[in-house]
Amino acid sequence: MRVGVVGCIPHPTAGGASTLLENLIQVLETTQSHHVFIPLRETFDEAGSVSREINAFRHLKHLRMKVRATQFGDMVARAVRLVQPPSDPRIHWSTQMESLIREQQIDVVWFLGQGGATASVPYISTVWDLAHRSRPYFPEVSSTGWDWKGREQTFRSALPRASLILTGTNAGKSDIVHYYRVNPENVIVVPFPAPAFAGEDHRHGILDIREKYGIRGDFLIYPAQFWPHKNHVNILIALALLKRNRGIVIEMVFTGSDKGNAGHVFGKINELGLYDQVHMLGFVPREDLRALYSKALALTFASFFGPDNIPPLEAFALGCPVIASRVSGAEEQLGDAALLFDPAEPEDLVSAILTISQDQQLRARMVQKGAEIAKTRTPQAYVEQVCKILDKFAPIRRCWGHEYKHT
């Protein structure tokens, strides 16, 4: 079949979505299959560049100022506004897409990313999460950005009409069927792939990564954009509890772009007296992120959203132990290769941190199991599974031609 692929690679500051889509598009460009994959949209979004990124977080970190939380938050907000990277523009392109479908004689359209539209030919939707339904109280899925109404209109229009829906876990499938009453047979579970860059040689630059970012001791890493649901605040409370109740100081490295909540997080750092312990690095180059993973005591993935997430898979492939939120689908996605904790209970995170720092045998087993998961869940394997799904759909699609019109 001729498969039209819809998906662009966001700017790297978009986080895990950028890495995932980049990997899938690269595989589709080189995959050997009797299906022909045809891009129906620009595959690279060149708005902005990494070299133009100015790291407001790092400059503010060096200030080491003991000011009131509200003052600190205002300072961050002003600085971030001055260096805000260009946003990914959303262009209405459905008319152009339909023209390409006719011109290229497309049989099936595959929307790679979350929030795909509809098409005049059979199409495959991809769903990463339905957090606006499961966690509607978070502002980023309810009242700002792509708000609740916009998300709901998109999913309610696209999913019931989709020929097939791809999602990463059975928990995700259950949500799709429950919220949108689609045929369960049309929802296919294909586990998320570990990013390909995680398997690259990451030894270069590791030795001086601590010096580069001023990290002095053992540290945890959390690569996550500053959305409220990423739950930076409860991590900070856990660090404060470790310091106050047990006299244990573990440094924390946050990486990721601001999405409106950095000021609040900075204020909490100051309030808890953690400004010498927490490193707010903002967006970091990919090679630095690999090095940070490789040297970290563990990834602390505290997000309230699930069921599928990319950073734990990155950590698996880079030999970094994983502490992750016990959200719907987490056990299914991560198995026993991660320690799970209640993201709303800082004390639960404290226990997980103590366990992974004190039990070296457990730590080694987790690293091994994580590596085994990452080895099997590659972007190539993901695309191969989708090709098998297309194989099963092909006998149905060949029953009508491109010029069919009901009369």
Protein backbone atom coordinates (compact mmCIF):
# COMPACT_ATOMS: atom_id res chain seq x y z
CA MET A 1 0.00 0.00 0.00
CA ARG A 2 0.96 3.62 -0.41
CA VAL A 3 1.03 5.02 3.11
CA GLY A 4 0.95 8.76 3.62
CA VAL A 5 2.91 9.73 6.74
CA VAL A 6 1.90 12.87 8.61
CA GLY A 7 4.33 14.09 11.23
CA CYS A 8 6.92 16.78 11.81
CA ILE A 9 9.91 16.86 14.12
CA PRO A 10 9.40 19.62 16.69
CA HIS A 11 12.30 21.73 17.87
CA PRO A 12 14.50 19.73 20.31
CA THR A 13 13.23 21.88 23.18
CA ALA A 14 9.91 20.03 22.79
CA GLY A 15 11.47 17.12 24.67
CA GLY A 16 10.65 13.43 24.26
CA ALA A 17 8.18 14.02 21.44
CA SER A 18 10.94 15.49 19.29
CA THR A 19 13.23 12.50 19.82
CA LEU A 20 10.48 9.95 19.23
CA LEU A 21 9.21 11.51 16.02
CA GLU A 22 12.73 12.09 14.70
CA ASN A 23 13.58 8.42 15.24
CA LEU A 24 10.41 7.15 13.56
CA ILE A 25 10.78 9.42 10.54
CA GLN A 26 14.41 8.38 10.09
CA VAL A 27 13.44 4.71 10.16
CA LEU A 28 10.58 5.24 7.71
CA GLU A 29 12.97 6.95 5.30
CA THR A 30 15.16 3.83 5.13
CA THR A 31 12.87 0.90 5.99
CA GLN A 32 12.64 -2.03 3.58
CA SER A 33 8.98 -2.88 3.10
CA HIS A 34 6.55 -3.63 0.30
CA HIS A 35 4.56 -0.68 1.63
CA VAL A 36 5.64 2.71 0.31
CA PHE A 37 5.84 5.49 2.90
CA ILE A 38 5.24 8.97 1.51
CA PRO A 39 5.59 12.14 3.62
CA LEU A 40 2.50 14.35 3.42
CA ARG A 41 4.07 17.18 5.37
CA GLU A 42 7.44 18.74 6.05
CA THR A 43 9.30 16.26 8.23
CA PHE A 44 11.57 18.79 9.89
CA ASP A 45 10.46 21.92 11.68
CA GLU A 46 13.29 24.42 11.32
CA ALA A 47 11.74 27.16 13.43
CA GLY A 48 14.46 28.26 15.82
CA SER A 49 17.81 26.61 16.38
CA VAL A 50 19.67 25.18 19.32
CA SER A 51 22.46 27.71 18.86
CA ARG A 52 19.98 30.53 19.45
CA GLU A 53 18.87 29.07 22.77
CA ILE A 54 19.81 31.32 25.67
CA ASN A 55 19.67 29.48 28.94
CA ALA A 56 17.83 31.73 31.37
CA PHE A 57 17.80 28.99 34.01
CA ARG A 58 21.57 28.68 34.20
CA HIS A 59 22.09 32.43 34.53
CA LEU A 60 19.52 32.63 37.29
CA LYS A 61 21.01 29.61 39.07
CA HIS A 62 24.31 31.41 39.47
CA LEU A 63 22.64 34.35 41.17
CA ARG A 64 22.24 32.28 44.37
CA MET A 65 19.94 34.97 45.70
CA LYS A 66 17.92 34.48 48.85
CA VAL A 67 14.82 36.42 47.93
CA ARG A 68 11.15 35.95 48.59
CA ALA A 69 9.59 33.25 46.44
CA THR A 70 7.28 35.69 44.68
CA GLN A 71 10.17 37.99 43.80
CA PHE A 72 12.21 35.05 42.53
CA GLY A 73 9.31 33.82 40.41
CA ASP A 74 8.86 37.28 38.90
CA MET A 75 12.56 37.42 38.02
CA VAL A 76 12.36 34.06 36.25
CA ALA A 77 9.21 35.00 34.39
CA ARG A 78 10.78 38.23 33.11
CA ALA A 79 13.99 36.47 32.05
CA VAL A 80 12.18 33.63 30.29
CA ARG A 81 10.02 36.07 28.33
CA LEU A 82 13.18 37.69 26.99
CA VAL A 83 14.68 34.42 25.74
CA GLN A 84 11.57 32.44 24.82
CA PRO A 85 12.43 30.22 21.81
CA PRO A 86 10.16 30.39 18.79
CA SER A 87 7.12 28.18 19.20
CA ASP A 88 6.09 25.50 16.75
CA PRO A 89 3.42 27.18 14.55
CA ARG A 90 0.20 25.24 13.98
CA ILE A 91 -0.83 25.65 10.38
CA HIS A 92 -4.17 24.63 8.94
CA TRP A 93 -3.04 22.28 6.23
CA SER A 94 -5.90 19.78 5.74
CA THR A 95 -6.71 21.11 2.26
CA GLN A 96 -3.11 20.72 1.18
CA MET A 97 -2.99 17.23 2.68
CA GLU A 98 -6.09 16.12 0.78
CA SER A 99 -4.58 17.43 -2.42
CA LEU A 100 -1.45 15.35 -1.78
CA ILE A 101 -3.57 12.28 -0.98
CA ARG A 102 -5.17 12.51 -4.42
CA GLU A 103 -1.96 13.42 -6.21
CA GLN A 104 0.08 10.61 -4.62
CA GLN A 105 -2.79 8.08 -4.73
CA ILE A 106 -2.49 7.39 -1.02
CA ASP A 107 -4.22 4.28 0.30
CA VAL A 108 -3.80 4.89 4.04
CA VAL A 109 -2.68 7.89 6.12
CA TRP A 110 -0.66 7.35 9.31
CA PHE A 111 -0.64 10.23 11.80
CA LEU A 112 2.61 9.68 13.73
CA GLY A 113 2.01 12.16 16.52
CA GLN A 114 -0.68 12.84 19.06
CA GLY A 115 -3.58 14.97 17.95
CA GLY A 116 -3.87 13.85 14.33
CA ALA A 117 -6.76 15.03 12.20
CA THR A 118 -9.04 13.05 9.90
CA ALA A 119 -8.56 12.12 6.24
CA SER A 120 -10.70 11.17 3.25
CA VAL A 121 -8.99 7.76 3.04
CA PRO A 122 -8.56 5.20 5.84
CA TYR A 123 -6.23 6.57 8.49
CA ILE A 124 -4.30 5.46 11.54
CA SER A 125 -4.36 7.66 14.64
CA THR A 126 -1.66 7.53 17.32
CA VAL A 127 -2.55 8.24 20.96
CA TRP A 128 0.12 8.90 23.59
CA ASP A 129 -2.19 9.87 26.42
CA LEU A 130 -5.66 11.18 27.18
CA ALA A 131 -4.57 13.19 30.20
CA HIS A 132 -7.22 15.86 29.65
CA ARG A 133 -9.73 13.15 30.57
CA SER A 134 -7.83 11.38 33.37
CA ARG A 135 -6.25 14.53 34.89
CA PRO A 136 -8.50 17.42 33.77
CA TYR A 137 -7.50 19.62 36.73
CA PHE A 138 -4.01 20.35 35.35
CA PRO A 139 -4.09 23.77 33.64
CA GLU A 140 -1.98 22.69 30.65
CA VAL A 141 -4.74 20.32 29.51
CA SER A 142 -7.70 22.33 30.68
CA SER A 143 -7.34 26.08 30.40
CA THR A 144 -4.10 27.03 28.60
CA GLY A 145 -2.29 26.05 25.40
CA TRP A 146 -4.04 23.11 23.76
CA ASP A 147 -6.92 23.31 26.21
CA TRP A 148 -9.56 20.77 27.20
CA LYS A 149 -12.05 21.83 24.54
CA GLY A 150 -9.46 21.71 21.76
CA ARG A 151 -8.18 18.29 22.82
CA GLU A 152 -11.64 16.87 23.19
CA GLN A 153 -12.78 18.15 19.79
CA THR A 154 -9.69 16.60 18.17
CA PHE A 155 -10.02 13.18 19.77
CA ARG A 156 -13.80 12.99 19.52
CA SER A 157 -13.61 13.78 15.80
CA ALA A 158 -10.59 11.63 14.91
CA LEU A 159 -10.74 8.49 17.02
CA PRO A 160 -14.22 7.07 16.30
CA ARG A 161 -13.56 7.50 12.55
CA ALA A 162 -10.04 6.06 12.59
CA SER A 163 -9.53 2.76 10.80
CA LEU A 164 -6.90 1.84 13.38
CA ILE A 165 -5.58 3.48 16.55
CA LEU A 166 -2.05 2.86 17.85
CA THR A 167 -1.23 3.19 21.53
CA GLY A 168 1.61 1.98 23.72
CA THR A 169 -0.07 -0.01 26.50
CA ASN A 170 -3.21 -1.94 27.30
CA ALA A 171 -3.95 0.73 29.89
CA GLY A 172 -3.92 3.30 27.09
CA LYS A 173 -6.19 1.08 25.00
CA SER A 174 -8.67 0.81 27.87
CA ASP A 175 -8.80 4.60 28.16
CA ILE A 176 -9.44 5.05 24.44
CA VAL A 177 -12.24 2.49 24.41
CA HIS A 178 -13.75 3.85 27.63
CA TYR A 179 -13.72 7.53 26.77
CA TYR A 180 -14.56 7.35 23.06
CA ARG A 181 -16.52 4.10 22.70
CA VAL A 182 -14.47 2.83 19.77
CA ASN A 183 -14.29 -0.79 18.66
CA PRO A 184 -11.60 -2.48 20.82
CA GLU A 185 -10.50 -4.52 17.80
CA ASN A 186 -9.47 -1.29 16.07
CA VAL A 187 -7.12 -0.25 18.90
CA ILE A 188 -3.71 -1.88 18.55
CA VAL A 189 -1.07 -1.90 21.31
CA VAL A 190 2.46 -1.29 20.04
CA PRO A 191 4.88 -0.48 22.92
CA PHE A 192 6.77 2.80 22.65
CA PRO A 193 10.34 2.47 21.33
CA ALA A 194 13.42 3.51 23.25
CA PRO A 195 15.03 6.48 21.45
CA ALA A 196 17.75 5.45 19.01
CA PHE A 197 20.19 8.07 20.30
CA ALA A 198 20.24 6.25 23.60
CA GLY A 199 22.14 3.40 21.99
CA GLU A 200 24.91 5.61 20.57
CA ASP A 201 28.40 5.89 22.00
CA HIS A 202 27.95 8.34 24.87
CA ARG A 203 31.39 8.10 26.47
CA HIS A 204 32.59 11.35 24.93
CA GLY A 205 32.27 14.20 27.37
CA ILE A 206 31.14 12.14 30.37
CA LEU A 207 34.25 12.78 32.45
CA ASP A 208 33.79 16.54 32.51
CA ILE A 209 29.99 16.70 32.63
CA ARG A 210 29.99 17.32 36.39
CA GLU A 211 32.50 20.13 36.06
CA LYS A 212 30.60 21.68 33.16
CA TYR A 213 27.42 22.04 35.20
CA GLY A 214 28.92 22.48 38.67
CA ILE A 215 27.70 19.14 40.06
CA ARG A 216 29.69 18.15 43.13
CA GLY A 217 28.25 14.88 44.45
CA ASP A 218 25.72 12.14 43.75
CA PHE A 219 22.81 13.45 41.72
CA LEU A 220 19.41 12.51 40.38
CA ILE A 221 18.24 13.59 36.96
CA TYR A 222 14.82 14.59 35.69
CA PRO A 223 14.58 15.69 32.04
CA ALA A 224 11.13 17.24 31.85
CA GLN A 225 9.66 20.46 30.58
CA PHE A 226 8.29 22.75 33.23
CA TRP A 227 4.62 21.83 33.03
CA PRO A 228 2.71 21.52 36.34
CA HIS A 229 1.99 17.83 35.69
CA LYS A 230 5.71 17.05 35.58
CA ASN A 231 5.61 17.35 39.36
CA HIS A 232 8.95 19.03 40.07
CA VAL A 233 7.62 20.38 43.36
CA ASN A 234 7.07 17.01 45.06
CA ILE A 235 10.60 15.98 44.08
CA LEU A 236 11.89 19.09 45.83
CA ILE A 237 9.90 18.28 48.95
CA ALA A 238 11.39 14.77 48.96
CA LEU A 239 14.91 16.22 48.71
CA ALA A 240 14.16 18.54 51.61
CA LEU A 241 12.88 15.61 53.70
CA LEU A 242 16.04 13.62 52.98
CA LYS A 243 18.16 16.56 54.05
CA ARG A 244 16.18 17.49 57.16
CA ASN A 245 15.26 14.07 58.54
CA ARG A 246 18.23 11.95 57.48
CA GLY A 247 21.04 14.42 56.85
CA ILE A 248 21.40 13.16 53.28
CA VAL A 249 22.17 15.70 50.57
CA ILE A 250 21.63 14.48 47.01
CA GLU A 251 21.89 16.97 44.19
CA MET A 252 19.11 17.28 41.63
CA VAL A 253 19.49 18.07 37.93
CA PHE A 254 16.43 19.40 36.12
CA THR A 255 16.65 19.80 32.34
CA GLY A 256 13.93 21.01 30.01
CA SER A 257 12.26 24.09 28.63
CA ASP A 258 9.92 26.33 30.56
CA LYS A 259 6.22 25.92 29.81
CA GLY A 260 5.05 28.49 32.31
CA ASN A 261 5.81 26.79 35.63
CA ALA A 262 9.54 27.47 36.07
CA GLY A 263 8.91 30.51 38.25
CA HIS A 264 6.83 28.47 40.67
CA VAL A 265 9.49 25.76 40.84
CA PHE A 266 12.26 28.30 41.42
CA GLY A 267 10.24 29.82 44.21
CA LYS A 268 9.84 26.44 45.88
CA ILE A 269 13.61 25.81 45.63
CA ASN A 270 14.24 29.06 47.49
CA GLU A 271 11.52 28.37 50.04
CA LEU A 272 12.96 24.94 50.88
CA GLY A 273 16.56 26.17 51.01
CA LEU A 274 17.69 23.93 48.14
CA TYR A 275 19.28 26.57 45.91
CA ASP A 276 22.79 25.08 46.41
CA GLN A 277 21.53 21.57 45.74
CA VAL A 278 19.35 21.87 42.64
CA HIS A 279 20.71 22.55 39.16
CA MET A 280 18.23 24.15 36.77
CA LEU A 281 19.92 23.63 33.41
CA GLY A 282 17.09 24.36 31.01
CA PHE A 283 17.53 22.83 27.57
CA VAL A 284 20.83 20.95 27.22
CA PRO A 285 22.44 19.46 24.09
CA ARG A 286 21.65 15.83 23.40
CA GLU A 287 25.21 14.67 24.07
CA ASP A 288 25.14 16.38 27.48
CA LEU A 289 21.85 14.70 28.33
CA ARG A 290 23.32 11.31 27.49
CA ALA A 291 26.31 12.02 29.72
CA LEU A 292 24.09 13.19 32.58
CA TYR A 293 22.00 10.02 32.36
CA SER A 294 25.16 7.92 32.43
CA LYS A 295 26.50 9.57 35.58
CA ALA A 296 23.25 9.98 37.51
CA LEU A 297 22.36 7.97 40.59
CA ALA A 298 18.91 7.49 39.02
CA LEU A 299 16.24 9.05 36.86
CA THR A 300 13.38 10.34 39.00
CA PHE A 301 10.44 10.42 36.64
CA ALA A 302 7.68 12.02 38.70
CA SER A 303 5.05 12.87 36.07
CA PHE A 304 1.38 12.52 36.93
CA PHE A 305 0.64 11.64 33.28
CA GLY A 306 0.75 8.22 31.67
CA PRO A 307 0.47 5.57 30.54
CA ASP A 308 3.41 5.97 28.13
CA ASN A 309 6.55 8.02 28.70
CA ILE A 310 9.89 8.33 26.89
CA PRO A 311 12.53 9.30 29.53
CA PRO A 312 12.40 5.95 31.40
CA LEU A 313 13.17 4.19 28.10
CA GLU A 314 16.06 6.59 27.48
CA ALA A 315 17.40 5.80 30.93
CA PHE A 316 17.07 2.05 30.35
CA ALA A 317 19.22 2.22 27.24
CA LEU A 318 21.85 4.38 28.92
CA GLY A 319 22.32 2.23 32.01
CA CYS A 320 20.60 4.65 34.36
CA PRO A 321 18.34 3.17 37.08
CA VAL A 322 14.75 4.38 36.99
CA ILE A 323 12.47 5.63 39.73
CA ALA A 324 9.08 6.37 38.17
CA SER A 325 5.57 7.41 39.09
CA ARG A 326 3.10 4.64 39.77
CA VAL A 327 0.54 5.85 37.25
CA SER A 328 -1.80 3.82 35.08
CA GLY A 329 0.26 1.74 32.65
CA ALA A 330 3.62 2.26 34.39
CA GLU A 331 4.03 -1.36 35.49
CA GLU A 332 3.04 -2.53 32.02
CA GLN A 333 5.51 -0.23 30.26
CA LEU A 334 8.43 -0.55 32.68
CA GLY A 335 7.95 -3.98 34.25
CA ASP A 336 10.21 -4.72 37.21
CA ALA A 337 13.06 -2.67 35.71
CA ALA A 338 11.95 0.42 37.66
CA LEU A 339 11.08 1.35 41.24
CA LEU A 340 7.61 2.89 41.30
CA PHE A 341 6.35 5.48 43.76
CA ASP A 342 3.20 7.48 44.44
CA PRO A 343 3.85 10.84 42.71
CA ALA A 344 1.67 12.65 45.26
CA GLU A 345 3.64 11.29 48.27
CA PRO A 346 7.16 12.74 48.71
CA GLU A 347 7.86 10.23 51.50
CA ASP A 348 7.31 7.41 49.02
CA LEU A 349 9.90 8.97 46.73
CA VAL A 350 12.29 9.31 49.67
CA SER A 351 12.04 5.56 50.27
CA ALA A 352 12.71 4.79 46.62
CA ILE A 353 15.77 7.08 46.54
CA LEU A 354 17.18 5.48 49.69
CA THR A 355 16.60 1.99 48.29
CA ILE A 356 18.31 2.63 44.99
CA SER A 357 21.26 4.42 46.61
CA GLN A 358 21.86 1.77 49.28
CA ASP A 359 21.10 -1.53 47.52
CA GLN A 360 23.78 -1.95 44.87
CA GLN A 361 22.66 -5.44 43.87
CA LEU A 362 19.13 -4.21 43.20
CA ARG A 363 20.54 -1.28 41.28
CA ALA A 364 22.59 -3.61 39.07
CA ARG A 365 19.57 -5.87 38.41
CA MET A 366 17.45 -2.87 37.43
CA VAL A 367 20.10 -1.62 35.03
CA GLN A 368 20.32 -5.05 33.41
CA LYS A 369 16.55 -5.45 33.08
CA GLY A 370 16.22 -1.93 31.70
CA ALA A 371 18.86 -2.65 29.07
CA GLU A 372 16.99 -5.79 28.01
CA ILE A 373 13.77 -3.82 27.51
CA ALA A 374 15.53 -1.08 25.52
CA LYS A 375 17.26 -3.65 23.32
CA THR A 376 13.96 -5.10 22.12
CA ARG A 377 11.97 -1.85 21.86
CA THR A 378 13.79 -0.07 19.06
CA PRO A 379 12.32 2.37 16.52
CA GLN A 380 12.99 -0.27 13.85
CA ALA A 381 10.99 -2.85 15.80
CA TYR A 382 8.16 -0.35 16.23
CA VAL A 383 7.93 0.34 12.51
CA GLU A 384 8.14 -3.40 11.74
CA GLN A 385 5.13 -4.00 13.97
CA VAL A 386 3.20 -1.25 12.21
CA CYS A 387 4.10 -2.81 8.85
CA LYS A 388 2.58 -6.10 10.03
CA ILE A 389 -0.58 -4.21 11.00
CA LEU A 390 -0.65 -2.67 7.52
CA ASP A 391 -0.23 -6.14 6.01
CA LYS A 392 -3.43 -7.27 7.74
CA PHE A 393 -5.32 -4.18 6.61
CA ALA A 394 -4.18 -4.38 2.98
CA PRO A 395 -6.73 -7.06 1.91
CA ILE A 396 -9.50 -4.77 3.14
CA ARG A 397 -8.16 -1.62 1.53
CA ARG A 398 -7.75 -3.19 -1.91
CA CYS A 399 -11.53 -3.63 -2.16
CA TRP A 400 -11.97 -0.09 -3.59
CA GLY A 401 -9.98 2.20 -5.82
CA HIS A 402 -8.79 5.79 -5.48
CA GLU A 403 -11.56 7.16 -7.68
CA TYR A 404 -14.44 5.48 -5.84
CA LYS A 405 -17.47 7.73 -5.35
CA HIS A 406 -20.71 6.48 -3.88
CA THR A 407 -23.65 7.09 -6.23
